[in-house]
């Protein structure tokens, strides 16, 4: 089994703005630090980058940016997912609009199961 690797500085930067959003909760995805909204995964650190779930049409648009590519875990292209690769961790702050779009998208499709009291 492979060892999970990610940049701890990337996590610090993402935590600095994502966990400030009341609806965002931290978690794990395949051992990687991840972020959830309404109980659904919307983003995760992954190897050298950060994967984010967005509408497919928006993903296609984002792929035109130099630092964004298809998210392909184990070689499989995920149509509603992109992988953001930034050389400098602080540059993820420039992508906050992508994370906000992801939160909005996931919130609109998530069926959040509230525990019965």
Foldseek 3Di string as FASTA:
>chain_A
DDDFDEDVLLVVLCCVPQVVDPQWDWDDDPRFIFIDGLRHTAWTTGHQWIKGFAPLVVLVVVCVDPQKDFDQVVHRGDRRMITGHDPDSNCVVVVVVRNVRSNVVCVVPDDRDDDDD
